[in-house]
Amino acid sequence: MIANDYSLDRVDDQLITFKDSFTGVNRTQHFVEIRLKLQKLVGDLIKRMPGEQDEINQLRDTERLTKDPAEATQVHALAEKMQSVLTKQKAMTSDLTSFVQSMMDYFPGDQNGDMTGFNDTWSGFAQENKDIKASLRFDGQRDLIRTAESDAGDIAYDIATTHCI
């Protein structure tokens, strides 16, 4: 999940940079580079998620194996927090996948003799998606993930210090 946070940090960088693709020179190249980077980052997120779900499932199995009710309660709470993080990361990944797909539907090429490389279709896309971070509620979603991860860390620490001595 930490690797997912790193990937989402890199996605954040690309979404911020995306706004810049509407101005300046080489806008077409800039757009395509951002799209390729986002495709890679989102692909990496998608690849990691099944393994993370397996680890959460193993944690749930541990909950069922313990004979200590207090420990089982803590392990259950930890698994729930981690599941919450993964579920939120999956939702964000789905939204990002849709955004990258919408980027694939637009080619900001020189179809109107425009030397900037942006045609009328691109202008419509630009207006609708310029502040994609706000549209995705990206920062708020990241805050929810950070809070759940922090809570999971606190629970894991309590388990380790209480039951693993």
Foldseek 3Di string as FASTA:
>chain_A
DVVLVVLLVVLVVLLVCLLVLVDDAPSLVSLVVSLVSLVVSLVVLVVCLVVLVVVLVVLLVVLVPDPDPVLSVLSVLLSVLSVVLSVLSVVLSVVSVVVSVVSVVDRLACPPVDNRSGDPVNVVVCVVCSNVCVVSVSVVSVVSNVVSVVVSVVSVVCSCVPPVD
